[in-house]
């Protein structure tokens, strides 16, 4: 399976926005559209891609402030965890209210098909109750799977677990889901906070102290809970 993958560094908070596309059908999804929708649209046009889906890792302002504009330009389906759509995105708990009338179509499905790409939505609560990671498995070997982790996992660290709606206990279990993936999986974080812009799960398990914590007690000590 081939994949078009563009990692875009946008905005004042070191955000990564991802454009992922199917080379065959030219359908594409944007992960966490924010800060500069014209740049996203221009890159899509350069690649000859039609944006059909918006995939949200979670509902914080710095990851969703371009959703309305992008949906207005593309009529894309907005995909997120149900709890995140019901509370964070529409009620503004993440810092931005998106009117329901501006999102014409939404999906809370556990899998999303973009062209011939099957994208698995993995519920990883902790940073927020409805945080998600998104996995694209390579079907015929030769390349690693691609995982988009939002604010759940960064290179060398993890997202914050000290918000009123964060849950460090859930966070620990979510990290175990990631650790159990194929170690060759390459993950792409929601912010440029590490020594590199991506890493493999296997390397991260050997270097990230939060992934090296083998018990919940050790993990909670690291997040000072």
N, C-alpha and C. Protein backbone atom coordinates (compact mmCIF):
# COMPACT_ATOMS: atom_id res chain seq x y z
N UNK A 1 0.83 -1.20 0.00
CA UNK A 1 0.00 0.00 0.00
C UNK A 1 0.87 1.24 0.00
N UNK A 2 0.58 2.14 -0.91
CA UNK A 2 1.28 3.42 -0.93
C UNK A 2 0.42 4.47 -0.25
N UNK A 3 1.07 5.55 0.15
CA UNK A 3 0.38 6.56 0.94
C UNK A 3 1.03 7.91 0.67
N UNK A 4 0.20 8.90 0.41
CA UNK A 4 0.70 10.27 0.36
C UNK A 4 0.60 10.84 1.77
N UNK A 5 1.71 11.31 2.30
CA UNK A 5 1.75 11.83 3.66
C UNK A 5 2.53 13.12 3.70
N UNK A 6 1.86 14.19 4.09
CA UNK A 6 2.48 15.50 4.21
C UNK A 6 2.34 15.97 5.66
N UNK A 7 3.47 16.25 6.27
CA UNK A 7 3.51 16.76 7.64
C UNK A 7 3.74 18.27 7.55
N UNK A 8 2.76 19.05 8.00
CA UNK A 8 2.81 20.50 7.88
C UNK A 8 2.97 21.13 9.26
N UNK A 9 4.04 21.88 9.44
CA UNK A 9 4.26 22.61 10.70
C UNK A 9 3.58 23.97 10.58
N UNK A 10 2.52 24.18 11.36
CA UNK A 10 1.71 25.38 11.24
C UNK A 10 1.41 25.99 12.60
N UNK A 11 1.33 27.31 12.63
CA UNK A 11 0.86 28.00 13.82
C UNK A 11 1.94 28.28 14.84
N UNK A 12 1.56 29.04 15.90
CA UNK A 12 2.53 29.50 16.91
C UNK A 12 2.80 28.51 18.03
N UNK A 13 2.14 27.33 18.00
CA UNK A 13 2.28 26.36 19.09
C UNK A 13 2.96 25.08 18.63
N UNK A 14 3.75 25.18 17.56
CA UNK A 14 4.51 24.04 17.04
C UNK A 14 3.61 22.86 16.66
N UNK A 15 2.44 23.17 16.14
CA UNK A 15 1.51 22.12 15.73
C UNK A 15 1.96 21.43 14.45
N UNK A 16 1.63 20.15 14.36
CA UNK A 16 1.72 19.43 13.11
C UNK A 16 0.30 19.15 12.61
N UNK A 17 0.05 19.50 11.37
CA UNK A 17 -1.17 19.13 10.67
C UNK A 17 -0.77 18.14 9.59
N UNK A 18 -1.57 17.09 9.41
CA UNK A 18 -1.21 16.05 8.45
C UNK A 18 -2.23 15.96 7.32
N UNK A 19 -1.71 15.85 6.12
CA UNK A 19 -2.51 15.57 4.95
C UNK A 19 -2.16 14.17 4.49
N UNK A 20 -3.13 13.28 4.50
CA UNK A 20 -2.89 11.90 4.11
C UNK A 20 -3.82 11.55 2.95
N UNK A 21 -3.25 10.98 1.90
CA UNK A 21 -4.04 10.74 0.70
C UNK A 21 -3.78 9.40 0.06
N UNK A 22 -4.76 8.95 -0.70
CA UNK A 22 -4.67 7.72 -1.48
C UNK A 22 -4.18 8.07 -2.88
N UNK A 23 -3.01 7.59 -3.28
CA UNK A 23 -2.47 7.94 -4.59
C UNK A 23 -3.34 7.47 -5.75
N UNK A 24 -4.15 6.44 -5.53
CA UNK A 24 -4.97 5.90 -6.62
C UNK A 24 -6.22 6.74 -6.86
N UNK A 25 -7.00 6.98 -5.81
CA UNK A 25 -8.26 7.70 -5.97
C UNK A 25 -8.10 9.21 -5.79
N UNK A 26 -6.97 9.61 -5.18
CA UNK A 26 -6.69 11.02 -4.90
C UNK A 26 -7.61 11.61 -3.83
N UNK A 27 -8.29 10.74 -3.08
CA UNK A 27 -9.05 11.22 -1.93
C UNK A 27 -8.10 11.39 -0.75
N UNK A 28 -8.42 12.35 0.11
CA UNK A 28 -7.49 12.67 1.20
C UNK A 28 -8.24 13.07 2.46
N UNK A 29 -7.51 12.97 3.57
CA UNK A 29 -8.02 13.42 4.87
C UNK A 29 -7.00 14.38 5.47
N UNK A 30 -7.50 15.30 6.28
CA UNK A 30 -6.64 16.20 7.04
C UNK A 30 -6.79 15.86 8.51
N UNK A 31 -5.66 15.61 9.16
CA UNK A 31 -5.64 15.35 10.60
C UNK A 31 -5.41 16.66 11.34
N UNK A 32 -6.36 17.03 12.18
CA UNK A 32 -6.26 18.21 13.05
C UNK A 32 -6.01 19.52 12.29
N UNK A 33 -6.92 19.92 11.41
CA UNK A 33 -6.71 21.15 10.64
C UNK A 33 -6.76 22.38 11.53
N UNK A 34 -5.70 23.18 11.48
CA UNK A 34 -5.64 24.37 12.33
C UNK A 34 -4.68 25.38 11.73
N UNK A 35 -4.89 26.64 12.13
CA UNK A 35 -3.97 27.76 11.94
C UNK A 35 -3.90 28.32 10.52
N UNK A 36 -3.79 27.48 9.50
CA UNK A 36 -3.58 28.05 8.17
C UNK A 36 -4.20 27.14 7.11
N UNK A 37 -5.51 27.25 6.96
CA UNK A 37 -6.23 26.41 6.01
C UNK A 37 -5.76 26.65 4.57
N UNK A 38 -5.48 27.90 4.14
CA UNK A 38 -4.99 28.08 2.76
C UNK A 38 -3.75 27.26 2.44
N UNK A 39 -2.83 27.15 3.39
CA UNK A 39 -1.64 26.31 3.16
C UNK A 39 -2.05 24.85 2.97
N UNK A 40 -2.94 24.37 3.80
CA UNK A 40 -3.41 22.98 3.68
C UNK A 40 -4.04 22.76 2.31
N UNK A 41 -4.90 23.69 1.90
CA UNK A 41 -5.57 23.57 0.61
C UNK A 41 -4.57 23.63 -0.55
N UNK A 42 -3.57 24.47 -0.42
CA UNK A 42 -2.57 24.59 -1.49
C UNK A 42 -1.76 23.31 -1.64
N UNK A 43 -1.37 22.72 -0.52
CA UNK A 43 -0.61 21.47 -0.59
C UNK A 43 -1.47 20.37 -1.22
N UNK A 44 -2.75 20.31 -0.83
CA UNK A 44 -3.65 19.33 -1.42
C UNK A 44 -3.76 19.53 -2.93
N UNK A 45 -3.87 20.78 -3.34
CA UNK A 45 -3.97 21.07 -4.78
C UNK A 45 -2.70 20.68 -5.52
N UNK A 46 -1.55 20.94 -4.91
CA UNK A 46 -0.28 20.57 -5.54
C UNK A 46 -0.17 19.06 -5.76
N UNK A 47 -0.75 18.30 -4.83
CA UNK A 47 -0.71 16.84 -4.94
C UNK A 47 -1.89 16.28 -5.74
N UNK A 48 -2.79 17.17 -6.17
CA UNK A 48 -3.96 16.72 -6.91
C UNK A 48 -4.97 15.98 -6.07
N UNK A 49 -5.06 16.33 -4.78
CA UNK A 49 -5.91 15.61 -3.83
C UNK A 49 -7.23 16.32 -3.59
N UNK A 50 -8.28 15.54 -3.39
CA UNK A 50 -9.58 16.04 -2.98
C UNK A 50 -9.79 15.69 -1.51
N UNK A 51 -9.96 16.68 -0.66
CA UNK A 51 -10.14 16.45 0.78
C UNK A 51 -11.58 16.03 1.04
N UNK A 52 -11.74 14.81 1.54
CA UNK A 52 -13.07 14.26 1.82
C UNK A 52 -13.35 14.07 3.30
N UNK A 53 -12.30 14.06 4.12
CA UNK A 53 -12.46 13.79 5.55
C UNK A 53 -11.58 14.71 6.39
N UNK A 54 -12.07 15.04 7.56
CA UNK A 54 -11.31 15.71 8.61
C UNK A 54 -11.26 14.74 9.79
N UNK A 55 -10.06 14.42 10.25
CA UNK A 55 -9.88 13.48 11.36
C UNK A 55 -9.35 14.25 12.56
N UNK A 56 -10.08 14.21 13.67
CA UNK A 56 -9.68 14.96 14.86
C UNK A 56 -9.11 14.02 15.91
N UNK A 57 -7.88 14.32 16.35
CA UNK A 57 -7.29 13.54 17.44
C UNK A 57 -7.93 13.91 18.77
N UNK A 58 -8.35 15.16 18.91
CA UNK A 58 -9.07 15.62 20.10
C UNK A 58 -9.56 17.05 19.82
N UNK A 59 -10.25 17.63 20.81
CA UNK A 59 -10.96 18.87 20.55
C UNK A 59 -10.33 20.14 21.04
N UNK A 60 -9.04 20.16 21.35
CA UNK A 60 -8.42 21.40 21.82
C UNK A 60 -8.30 22.43 20.69
N UNK A 61 -8.42 23.68 21.09
CA UNK A 61 -8.44 24.81 20.15
C UNK A 61 -7.32 24.75 19.12
N UNK A 62 -6.11 24.45 19.57
CA UNK A 62 -4.97 24.52 18.66
C UNK A 62 -4.98 23.41 17.62
N UNK A 63 -5.91 22.46 17.74
CA UNK A 63 -6.02 21.37 16.76
C UNK A 63 -7.28 21.46 15.90
N UNK A 64 -8.20 22.36 16.23
CA UNK A 64 -9.48 22.39 15.52
C UNK A 64 -9.85 23.77 14.99
N UNK A 65 -8.98 24.77 15.17
CA UNK A 65 -9.42 26.12 14.81
C UNK A 65 -9.54 26.37 13.31
N UNK A 66 -9.15 25.38 12.49
CA UNK A 66 -9.35 25.49 11.06
C UNK A 66 -10.46 24.62 10.52
N UNK A 67 -11.17 23.92 11.42
CA UNK A 67 -12.17 22.95 10.97
C UNK A 67 -13.30 23.63 10.20
N UNK A 68 -13.88 24.68 10.75
CA UNK A 68 -15.01 25.32 10.08
C UNK A 68 -14.64 25.79 8.68
N UNK A 69 -13.50 26.44 8.57
CA UNK A 69 -13.08 26.96 7.26
C UNK A 69 -12.84 25.83 6.27
N UNK A 70 -12.21 24.76 6.73
CA UNK A 70 -11.91 23.65 5.83
C UNK A 70 -13.19 22.96 5.39
N UNK A 71 -14.11 22.75 6.32
CA UNK A 71 -15.38 22.10 5.96
C UNK A 71 -16.17 22.97 4.98
N UNK A 72 -16.12 24.28 5.20
CA UNK A 72 -16.81 25.20 4.30
C UNK A 72 -16.26 25.11 2.88
N UNK A 73 -14.96 24.89 2.76
CA UNK A 73 -14.33 24.84 1.44
C UNK A 73 -14.43 23.47 0.77
N UNK A 74 -14.62 22.40 1.57
CA UNK A 74 -14.53 21.05 1.02
C UNK A 74 -15.75 20.17 1.25
N UNK A 75 -16.62 20.55 2.20
CA UNK A 75 -17.76 19.72 2.59
C UNK A 75 -17.30 18.37 3.14
N UNK A 76 -16.17 18.35 3.81
CA UNK A 76 -15.60 17.11 4.33
C UNK A 76 -16.41 16.56 5.51
N UNK A 77 -16.32 15.26 5.70
CA UNK A 77 -16.91 14.59 6.86
C UNK A 77 -15.95 14.77 8.03
N UNK A 78 -16.45 15.21 9.18
CA UNK A 78 -15.62 15.39 10.37
C UNK A 78 -15.75 14.14 11.25
N UNK A 79 -14.60 13.50 11.50
CA UNK A 79 -14.58 12.23 12.23
C UNK A 79 -13.88 12.43 13.57
N UNK A 80 -14.53 12.02 14.65
CA UNK A 80 -13.96 12.15 15.99
C UNK A 80 -14.66 11.19 16.92
N UNK A 81 -14.09 11.01 18.10
CA UNK A 81 -14.73 10.22 19.14
C UNK A 81 -16.03 10.91 19.55
N UNK A 82 -17.06 10.11 19.82
CA UNK A 82 -18.39 10.68 20.12
C UNK A 82 -18.34 11.66 21.28
N UNK A 83 -17.64 11.30 22.35
CA UNK A 83 -17.58 12.18 23.51
C UNK A 83 -16.93 13.51 23.16
N UNK A 84 -15.94 13.46 22.29
CA UNK A 84 -15.26 14.70 21.90
C UNK A 84 -16.18 15.58 21.06
N UNK A 85 -16.92 14.96 20.15
CA UNK A 85 -17.86 15.74 19.33
C UNK A 85 -18.98 16.31 20.19
N UNK A 86 -19.51 15.49 21.08
CA UNK A 86 -20.66 15.92 21.88
C UNK A 86 -20.32 17.03 22.86
N UNK A 87 -19.10 17.01 23.42
CA UNK A 87 -18.78 17.94 24.50
C UNK A 87 -17.73 18.97 24.10
N UNK A 88 -16.56 18.52 23.70
CA UNK A 88 -15.45 19.46 23.47
C UNK A 88 -15.68 20.36 22.27
N UNK A 89 -16.00 19.76 21.15
CA UNK A 89 -16.03 20.54 19.91
C UNK A 89 -17.19 21.52 19.89
N UNK A 90 -18.37 21.09 20.32
CA UNK A 90 -19.54 21.96 20.23
C UNK A 90 -19.74 22.84 21.46
N UNK A 91 -19.33 22.39 22.62
CA UNK A 91 -19.56 23.16 23.83
C UNK A 91 -18.38 24.06 24.19
N UNK A 92 -17.27 23.91 23.49
CA UNK A 92 -16.14 24.80 23.70
C UNK A 92 -15.25 24.44 24.87
N UNK A 93 -15.33 23.19 25.38
CA UNK A 93 -14.50 22.81 26.51
C UNK A 93 -13.02 22.83 26.15
N UNK A 94 -12.73 22.68 24.87
CA UNK A 94 -11.35 22.73 24.43
C UNK A 94 -10.89 24.14 24.10
N UNK A 95 -11.76 25.12 24.29
CA UNK A 95 -11.38 26.51 24.07
C UNK A 95 -11.97 27.14 22.82
N UNK A 96 -12.75 26.38 22.05
CA UNK A 96 -13.34 26.91 20.83
C UNK A 96 -14.68 26.24 20.59
N UNK A 97 -15.70 27.03 20.34
CA UNK A 97 -17.01 26.48 20.03
C UNK A 97 -17.17 26.41 18.51
N UNK A 98 -17.49 25.23 18.00
CA UNK A 98 -17.83 25.07 16.59
C UNK A 98 -19.34 24.83 16.52
N UNK A 99 -20.10 25.71 15.92
CA UNK A 99 -21.55 25.50 15.83
C UNK A 99 -21.87 24.21 15.09
N UNK A 100 -22.85 23.47 15.59
CA UNK A 100 -23.21 22.21 14.94
C UNK A 100 -23.66 22.43 13.51
N UNK A 101 -24.26 23.57 13.24
CA UNK A 101 -24.75 23.85 11.90
C UNK A 101 -23.63 23.97 10.88
N UNK A 102 -22.41 24.22 11.35
CA UNK A 102 -21.29 24.40 10.42
C UNK A 102 -20.66 23.07 10.03
N UNK A 103 -20.97 22.00 10.76
CA UNK A 103 -20.45 20.67 10.43
C UNK A 103 -21.60 19.87 9.83
N UNK A 104 -21.63 19.81 8.52
CA UNK A 104 -22.77 19.20 7.84
C UNK A 104 -22.83 17.70 8.06
N UNK A 105 -21.65 17.07 8.11
CA UNK A 105 -21.61 15.62 8.27
C UNK A 105 -20.53 15.26 9.29
N UNK A 106 -20.87 14.36 10.20
CA UNK A 106 -19.90 13.89 11.18
C UNK A 106 -19.97 12.37 11.27
N UNK A 107 -18.88 11.79 11.79
CA UNK A 107 -18.82 10.34 11.96
C UNK A 107 -18.08 10.02 13.25
N UNK A 108 -18.59 9.04 13.99
CA UNK A 108 -17.91 8.56 15.20
C UNK A 108 -17.49 7.11 15.02
N UNK A 109 -17.40 6.66 13.79
CA UNK A 109 -17.05 5.28 13.48
C UNK A 109 -15.63 4.94 13.96
N UNK A 110 -15.40 3.66 14.22
CA UNK A 110 -14.08 3.18 14.64
C UNK A 110 -13.13 3.00 13.47
N UNK A 111 -13.64 3.00 12.26
CA UNK A 111 -12.80 2.93 11.07
C UNK A 111 -13.32 3.95 10.05
N UNK A 112 -12.39 4.51 9.31
CA UNK A 112 -12.73 5.49 8.28
C UNK A 112 -12.04 5.05 6.99
N UNK A 113 -12.77 5.08 5.89
CA UNK A 113 -12.17 4.73 4.59
C UNK A 113 -12.02 6.00 3.77
N UNK A 114 -10.78 6.27 3.40
CA UNK A 114 -10.46 7.42 2.54
C UNK A 114 -9.87 6.85 1.26
N UNK A 115 -10.65 6.87 0.19
CA UNK A 115 -10.23 6.16 -1.01
C UNK A 115 -10.11 4.68 -0.69
N UNK A 116 -8.93 4.10 -0.92
CA UNK A 116 -8.70 2.69 -0.59
C UNK A 116 -7.97 2.54 0.75
N UNK A 117 -7.79 3.65 1.47
CA UNK A 117 -7.10 3.61 2.76
C UNK A 117 -8.09 3.33 3.89
N UNK A 118 -7.80 2.31 4.68
CA UNK A 118 -8.59 2.04 5.88
C UNK A 118 -7.84 2.61 7.08
N UNK A 119 -8.48 3.52 7.79
CA UNK A 119 -7.86 4.20 8.92
C UNK A 119 -8.57 3.76 10.19
N UNK A 120 -7.82 3.13 11.09
CA UNK A 120 -8.37 2.66 12.36
C UNK A 120 -8.32 3.79 13.39
N UNK A 121 -9.44 4.02 14.05
CA UNK A 121 -9.51 5.02 15.10
C UNK A 121 -9.37 4.32 16.45
N UNK A 122 -8.30 4.64 17.16
CA UNK A 122 -8.02 3.99 18.44
C UNK A 122 -8.31 4.98 19.56
N UNK A 123 -9.28 4.66 20.40
CA UNK A 123 -9.65 5.54 21.50
C UNK A 123 -8.54 5.52 22.56
N UNK A 124 -7.92 6.67 22.80
CA UNK A 124 -6.80 6.76 23.75
C UNK A 124 -7.06 7.89 24.74
N UNK A 125 -8.03 7.73 25.64
CA UNK A 125 -8.34 8.79 26.60
C UNK A 125 -7.19 9.02 27.57
N UNK A 126 -7.18 10.19 28.13
CA UNK A 126 -6.14 10.56 29.09
C UNK A 126 -5.87 12.05 29.02
N UNK A 127 -5.39 12.51 27.88
CA UNK A 127 -5.20 13.94 27.67
C UNK A 127 -6.57 14.63 27.66
N UNK A 128 -7.51 14.08 26.91
CA UNK A 128 -8.91 14.43 26.98
C UNK A 128 -9.71 13.13 26.98
N UNK A 129 -10.99 13.17 27.37
CA UNK A 129 -11.77 11.93 27.41
C UNK A 129 -11.96 11.28 26.05
N UNK A 130 -11.95 12.07 24.99
CA UNK A 130 -12.19 11.52 23.66
C UNK A 130 -11.00 11.55 22.74
N UNK A 131 -9.80 11.57 23.30
CA UNK A 131 -8.60 11.55 22.46
C UNK A 131 -8.55 10.27 21.63
N UNK A 132 -8.02 10.41 20.41
CA UNK A 132 -7.89 9.28 19.49
C UNK A 132 -6.52 9.28 18.85
N UNK A 133 -6.02 8.09 18.57
CA UNK A 133 -4.90 7.92 17.65
C UNK A 133 -5.45 7.26 16.39
N UNK A 134 -4.77 7.44 15.28
CA UNK A 134 -5.27 6.95 13.99
C UNK A 134 -4.20 6.11 13.32
N UNK A 135 -4.55 4.90 12.96
CA UNK A 135 -3.57 3.93 12.45
C UNK A 135 -3.90 3.53 11.02
N UNK A 136 -2.89 3.61 10.17
CA UNK A 136 -2.99 3.10 8.80
C UNK A 136 -2.00 1.96 8.68
N UNK A 137 -2.51 0.77 8.45
CA UNK A 137 -1.65 -0.42 8.35
C UNK A 137 -1.23 -0.63 6.90
N UNK A 138 0.06 -0.87 6.71
CA UNK A 138 0.53 -1.24 5.37
C UNK A 138 0.21 -2.71 5.15
N UNK A 139 -0.47 -2.99 4.07
CA UNK A 139 -1.03 -4.32 3.86
C UNK A 139 -0.04 -5.31 3.27
N UNK A 140 1.01 -4.81 2.62
CA UNK A 140 1.90 -5.73 1.94
C UNK A 140 3.34 -5.58 2.34
N UNK A 141 3.63 -5.24 3.54
CA UNK A 141 5.01 -5.19 4.01
C UNK A 141 5.86 -4.16 3.29
N UNK A 142 7.13 -4.09 3.67
CA UNK A 142 8.04 -3.18 3.02
C UNK A 142 8.10 -1.81 3.67
N UNK A 143 7.02 -1.40 4.28
CA UNK A 143 6.97 -0.11 4.95
C UNK A 143 6.28 -0.27 6.29
N UNK A 144 6.57 0.63 7.20
CA UNK A 144 5.96 0.53 8.52
C UNK A 144 4.55 1.09 8.48
N UNK A 145 3.75 0.67 9.45
CA UNK A 145 2.44 1.28 9.63
C UNK A 145 2.64 2.74 10.04
N UNK A 146 1.61 3.55 9.84
CA UNK A 146 1.66 4.96 10.21
C UNK A 146 0.60 5.24 11.28
N UNK A 147 1.03 5.86 12.37
CA UNK A 147 0.15 6.16 13.50
C UNK A 147 0.21 7.66 13.79
N UNK A 148 -0.96 8.28 13.87
CA UNK A 148 -1.04 9.71 14.17
C UNK A 148 -1.56 9.85 15.59
N UNK A 149 -0.74 10.45 16.47
CA UNK A 149 -1.00 10.35 17.91
C UNK A 149 -1.53 11.62 18.55
N UNK A 150 -1.70 12.70 17.81
CA UNK A 150 -2.23 13.92 18.43
C UNK A 150 -1.41 14.34 19.63
N UNK A 151 -2.10 14.61 20.74
CA UNK A 151 -1.42 14.99 21.97
C UNK A 151 -1.32 13.83 22.96
N UNK A 152 -1.53 12.61 22.48
CA UNK A 152 -1.35 11.45 23.36
C UNK A 152 0.12 11.11 23.50
N UNK A 153 0.85 11.08 22.39
CA UNK A 153 2.27 10.71 22.43
C UNK A 153 3.08 11.67 21.56
N UNK A 154 4.12 12.23 22.16
CA UNK A 154 5.11 13.03 21.44
C UNK A 154 6.43 12.26 21.41
N UNK A 155 7.36 12.70 20.62
CA UNK A 155 8.69 12.11 20.63
C UNK A 155 9.36 12.50 21.95
N UNK A 156 9.59 11.51 22.79
CA UNK A 156 10.28 11.74 24.06
C UNK A 156 9.39 12.05 25.24
N UNK A 157 8.11 12.28 25.03
CA UNK A 157 7.24 12.62 26.15
C UNK A 157 5.80 12.31 25.77
N UNK A 158 4.84 12.76 26.58
CA UNK A 158 3.42 12.58 26.29
C UNK A 158 2.71 13.91 26.49
N UNK A 159 1.41 13.93 26.17
CA UNK A 159 0.62 15.13 26.37
C UNK A 159 0.33 15.38 27.85
N UNK A 160 -0.18 16.56 28.12
CA UNK A 160 -0.46 16.94 29.50
C UNK A 160 -1.60 16.09 30.07
N UNK A 161 -1.44 15.76 31.35
CA UNK A 161 -2.46 14.97 32.05
C UNK A 161 -2.98 15.70 33.28
N UNK A 162 -2.77 17.02 33.32
CA UNK A 162 -3.13 17.78 34.51
C UNK A 162 -4.30 18.75 34.30
N UNK A 163 -5.01 18.62 33.18
CA UNK A 163 -6.20 19.42 33.00
C UNK A 163 -7.34 18.87 33.87
N UNK A 164 -8.35 19.69 34.18
CA UNK A 164 -9.46 19.19 35.00
C UNK A 164 -10.15 17.98 34.39
N UNK A 165 -10.15 17.85 33.07
CA UNK A 165 -10.83 16.75 32.40
C UNK A 165 -9.86 15.67 31.94
N UNK A 166 -8.57 15.82 32.27
CA UNK A 166 -7.61 14.76 31.96
C UNK A 166 -7.75 13.63 32.98
N UNK A 167 -7.23 12.45 32.60
CA UNK A 167 -7.29 11.31 33.51
C UNK A 167 -6.00 10.50 33.38
N UNK A 168 -5.06 10.67 34.33
CA UNK A 168 -3.78 9.95 34.24
C UNK A 168 -3.93 8.44 34.26
N UNK A 169 -4.95 7.94 34.96
CA UNK A 169 -5.16 6.49 35.01
C UNK A 169 -5.54 5.97 33.61
N UNK A 170 -6.46 6.67 32.96
CA UNK A 170 -6.81 6.31 31.58
C UNK A 170 -5.61 6.45 30.66
N UNK A 171 -4.82 7.50 30.90
CA UNK A 171 -3.65 7.76 30.06
C UNK A 171 -2.70 6.57 30.07
N UNK A 172 -2.47 6.00 31.24
CA UNK A 172 -1.58 4.84 31.34
C UNK A 172 -2.07 3.70 30.45
N UNK A 173 -3.35 3.41 30.51
CA UNK A 173 -3.89 2.31 29.71
C UNK A 173 -3.84 2.63 28.22
N UNK A 174 -4.01 3.89 27.87
CA UNK A 174 -3.91 4.28 26.47
C UNK A 174 -2.49 4.09 25.94
N UNK A 175 -1.51 4.41 26.78
CA UNK A 175 -0.11 4.22 26.38
C UNK A 175 0.19 2.74 26.15
N UNK A 176 -0.45 1.87 26.92
CA UNK A 176 -0.23 0.43 26.72
C UNK A 176 -0.74 -0.01 25.35
N UNK A 177 -1.84 0.58 24.89
CA UNK A 177 -2.35 0.25 23.55
C UNK A 177 -1.29 0.57 22.50
N UNK A 178 -0.65 1.71 22.65
CA UNK A 178 0.37 2.11 21.68
C UNK A 178 1.58 1.19 21.79
N UNK A 179 1.99 0.86 23.00
CA UNK A 179 3.15 -0.01 23.19
C UNK A 179 2.94 -1.40 22.60
N UNK A 180 1.68 -1.83 22.51
CA UNK A 180 1.38 -3.16 21.99
C UNK A 180 1.32 -3.21 20.46
N UNK A 181 1.45 -2.07 19.81
CA UNK A 181 1.47 -2.07 18.35
C UNK A 181 2.80 -2.60 17.82
N UNK A 182 2.83 -2.96 16.55
CA UNK A 182 4.06 -3.38 15.90
C UNK A 182 5.14 -2.33 16.14
N UNK A 183 6.32 -2.77 16.60
CA UNK A 183 7.37 -1.83 16.96
C UNK A 183 7.91 -1.06 15.76
N UNK A 184 7.67 -1.57 14.56
CA UNK A 184 8.12 -0.85 13.36
C UNK A 184 7.17 0.29 12.98
N UNK A 185 6.04 0.38 13.67
CA UNK A 185 5.08 1.45 13.38
C UNK A 185 5.73 2.81 13.59
N UNK A 186 5.61 3.68 12.60
CA UNK A 186 6.11 5.05 12.74
C UNK A 186 4.97 5.93 13.22
N UNK A 187 5.19 6.66 14.30
CA UNK A 187 4.14 7.56 14.79
C UNK A 187 4.50 9.01 14.50
N UNK A 188 3.45 9.77 14.27
CA UNK A 188 3.56 11.18 13.91
C UNK A 188 2.77 11.99 14.94
N UNK A 189 3.46 12.80 15.75
CA UNK A 189 2.81 13.48 16.87
C UNK A 189 2.09 14.76 16.43
N UNK A 190 1.31 15.31 17.36
CA UNK A 190 0.56 16.52 17.09
C UNK A 190 1.34 17.81 17.27
N UNK A 191 2.53 17.71 17.85
CA UNK A 191 3.38 18.89 18.05
C UNK A 191 4.84 18.51 17.81
N UNK A 192 5.61 19.49 17.43
CA UNK A 192 7.05 19.32 17.22
C UNK A 192 7.78 19.61 18.53
N UNK A 193 7.65 18.68 19.47
CA UNK A 193 8.21 18.87 20.81
C UNK A 193 9.44 18.03 21.07
N UNK A 194 9.85 17.21 20.12
CA UNK A 194 10.92 16.26 20.39
C UNK A 194 12.17 16.50 19.57
N UNK A 195 13.10 15.56 19.68
CA UNK A 195 14.36 15.65 18.95
C UNK A 195 14.20 15.34 17.47
N UNK A 196 13.06 14.74 17.10
CA UNK A 196 12.77 14.46 15.70
C UNK A 196 11.28 14.66 15.47
N UNK A 197 10.88 14.70 14.23
CA UNK A 197 9.48 14.98 13.91
C UNK A 197 8.61 13.72 13.88
N UNK A 198 9.22 12.56 14.03
CA UNK A 198 8.51 11.29 14.12
C UNK A 198 9.46 10.28 14.73
N UNK A 199 8.93 9.11 15.05
CA UNK A 199 9.78 8.05 15.60
C UNK A 199 9.04 6.73 15.44
N UNK A 200 9.73 5.63 15.63
CA UNK A 200 9.05 4.34 15.65
C UNK A 200 8.62 4.02 17.07
N UNK A 201 7.59 3.21 17.18
CA UNK A 201 7.12 2.78 18.49
C UNK A 201 8.24 2.03 19.22
N UNK A 202 8.98 1.20 18.48
CA UNK A 202 10.05 0.42 19.10
C UNK A 202 11.12 1.29 19.71
N UNK A 203 11.59 2.31 18.98
CA UNK A 203 12.61 3.20 19.53
C UNK A 203 12.06 4.01 20.70
N UNK A 204 10.81 4.40 20.57
CA UNK A 204 10.22 5.22 21.64
C UNK A 204 10.10 4.42 22.94
N UNK A 205 9.82 3.14 22.83
CA UNK A 205 9.70 2.28 24.01
C UNK A 205 11.02 2.19 24.78
N UNK A 206 12.14 2.44 24.08
CA UNK A 206 13.45 2.34 24.72
C UNK A 206 13.96 3.69 25.22
N UNK A 207 13.29 4.79 24.86
CA UNK A 207 13.83 6.11 25.19
C UNK A 207 12.85 7.03 25.91
N UNK A 208 11.57 6.80 25.75
CA UNK A 208 10.57 7.68 26.35
C UNK A 208 10.25 7.19 27.75
N UNK A 209 10.52 7.99 28.80
CA UNK A 209 10.32 7.51 30.18
C UNK A 209 8.89 7.10 30.47
N UNK A 210 7.91 7.71 29.80
CA UNK A 210 6.52 7.37 30.06
C UNK A 210 6.16 6.01 29.47
N UNK A 211 6.81 5.63 28.38
CA UNK A 211 6.60 4.31 27.82
C UNK A 211 7.46 3.26 28.53
N UNK A 212 8.51 3.71 29.19
CA UNK A 212 9.37 2.79 29.93
C UNK A 212 8.83 2.47 31.31
N UNK A 213 7.79 3.19 31.74
CA UNK A 213 7.16 2.92 33.03
C UNK A 213 6.33 1.64 32.90
N UNK A 214 6.72 0.60 33.63
CA UNK A 214 6.07 -0.70 33.47
C UNK A 214 4.86 -0.89 34.36
N UNK A 215 4.67 -0.05 35.34
CA UNK A 215 3.51 -0.16 36.21
C UNK A 215 2.76 1.18 36.22
N UNK A 216 1.48 1.10 36.57
CA UNK A 216 0.70 2.32 36.65
C UNK A 216 1.25 3.24 37.73
N UNK A 217 1.73 2.66 38.81
CA UNK A 217 2.28 3.47 39.89
C UNK A 217 3.48 4.28 39.41
N UNK A 218 4.37 3.65 38.66
CA UNK A 218 5.53 4.37 38.14
C UNK A 218 5.10 5.47 37.17
N UNK A 219 4.11 5.16 36.35
CA UNK A 219 3.60 6.14 35.39
C UNK A 219 3.00 7.34 36.12
N UNK A 220 2.21 7.08 37.15
CA UNK A 220 1.56 8.17 37.88
C UNK A 220 2.59 9.03 38.61
N UNK A 221 3.68 8.43 39.04
CA UNK A 221 4.73 9.22 39.66
C UNK A 221 5.35 10.17 38.63
N UNK A 222 5.50 9.69 37.40
CA UNK A 222 6.09 10.54 36.36
C UNK A 222 5.18 11.72 36.02
N UNK A 223 3.88 11.50 36.04
CA UNK A 223 2.97 12.61 35.74
C UNK A 223 2.58 13.36 37.00
N UNK A 224 3.23 13.00 38.13
CA UNK A 224 3.03 13.67 39.42
C UNK A 224 1.57 13.69 39.85
N UNK A 225 0.92 12.55 39.69
CA UNK A 225 -0.48 12.47 40.11
C UNK A 225 -0.56 11.77 41.47
